Amino acid sequence: MTENRFDTAATDWDKENMRIELARAISSQIALLSLHDDMRAMEYGCGTGLVGLALANRLASLVAADSSPGMLEIYCELA
């Protein structure tokens, strides 16, 4: 498999403040929903997990998928 630009950028992806703030804003709005610990969710295009991992503790399970192995590697380190 050929490395793509997201694989290359994955290591530093979470270092950009704008990405962190955007993910925080998105996850805080999703958190307003009635999430509970018997719900299961899937996040497609999860990247490094900035949004999904912020919500994972409120769910029974979270399946994360991304087309970038580099992004998934960072996700797994953080999960």
Protein backbone atom coordinates (compact mmCIF):
# COMPACT_ATOMS: atom_id res chain seq x y z
CA MET A 1 0.00 0.00 0.00
CA THR A 2 1.28 3.44 -0.90
CA GLU A 3 1.71 5.97 1.86
CA ASN A 4 -0.56 8.98 1.37
CA ARG A 5 -0.29 12.54 2.64
CA PHE A 6 -2.37 11.70 5.73
CA ASP A 7 0.02 8.89 6.65
CA THR A 8 2.89 11.36 6.40
CA ALA A 9 1.05 14.04 8.40
CA ALA A 10 -0.31 11.71 11.10
CA THR A 11 2.52 12.16 13.59
CA ASP A 12 2.03 15.93 13.79
CA TRP A 13 -1.70 16.04 13.03
CA ASP A 14 -2.80 16.72 16.62
CA LYS A 15 -0.24 19.47 17.14
CA GLU A 16 -2.23 22.08 15.22
CA ASN A 17 -4.35 24.11 17.64
CA MET A 18 -7.07 24.79 15.08
CA ARG A 19 -7.66 21.04 14.61
CA ILE A 20 -7.81 20.49 18.36
CA GLU A 21 -10.27 23.35 18.86
CA LEU A 22 -12.46 22.21 15.96
CA ALA A 23 -12.55 18.63 17.26
CA ARG A 24 -13.37 19.91 20.75
CA ALA A 25 -16.24 22.01 19.37
CA ILE A 26 -17.62 19.10 17.35
CA SER A 27 -17.39 16.57 20.17
CA SER A 28 -18.97 19.01 22.65
CA GLN A 29 -21.97 19.43 20.34
CA ILE A 30 -22.31 15.66 19.84
CA ALA A 31 -22.08 15.25 23.62
CA LEU A 32 -25.31 17.25 23.93
CA LEU A 33 -27.12 14.24 22.48
CA SER A 34 -28.49 11.63 24.84
CA LEU A 35 -25.46 9.35 24.69
CA HIS A 36 -25.42 6.47 27.13
CA ASP A 37 -23.27 3.50 27.97
CA ASP A 38 -25.34 0.92 26.10
CA MET A 39 -24.93 2.72 22.76
CA ARG A 40 -22.51 1.65 20.07
CA ALA A 41 -21.09 4.06 17.50
CA MET A 42 -18.90 4.06 14.42
CA GLU A 43 -16.70 6.92 13.33
CA TYR A 44 -15.68 6.72 9.68
CA GLY A 45 -12.78 8.97 8.79
CA CYS A 46 -11.66 9.03 12.42
CA GLY A 47 -8.16 10.31 11.73
CA THR A 48 -6.23 10.29 14.98
CA GLY A 49 -9.42 10.12 17.03
CA LEU A 50 -9.75 13.69 18.26
CA VAL A 51 -13.55 13.59 18.07
CA GLY A 52 -14.44 9.96 18.77
CA LEU A 53 -12.06 9.38 21.64
CA ALA A 54 -13.53 12.41 23.43
CA LEU A 55 -16.91 10.62 23.40
CA ALA A 56 -15.85 6.99 23.76
CA ASN A 57 -16.20 6.85 27.55
CA ARG A 58 -19.92 7.65 27.19
CA LEU A 59 -20.55 4.70 24.84
CA ALA A 60 -20.59 0.92 25.14
CA SER A 61 -18.23 0.74 22.15
CA LEU A 62 -16.78 2.82 19.39
CA VAL A 63 -15.56 1.38 16.10
CA ALA A 64 -13.13 3.68 14.34
CA ALA A 65 -12.22 3.48 10.66
CA ASP A 66 -9.93 5.51 8.45
CA SER A 67 -8.30 4.96 5.07
CA SER A 68 -4.93 6.12 6.43
CA PRO A 69 -2.90 3.47 8.26
CA GLY A 70 -0.75 6.28 9.68
CA MET A 71 -3.75 8.00 11.25
CA LEU A 72 -5.02 4.68 12.64
CA GLU A 73 -1.62 4.00 14.17
CA ILE A 74 -1.82 7.26 16.15
CA TYR A 75 -5.46 6.50 17.05
CA CYS A 76 -4.45 3.13 18.50
CA GLU A 77 -1.67 4.73 20.54
CA LEU A 78 -4.18 7.18 22.05
CA ALA A 79 -7.06 4.73 22.59
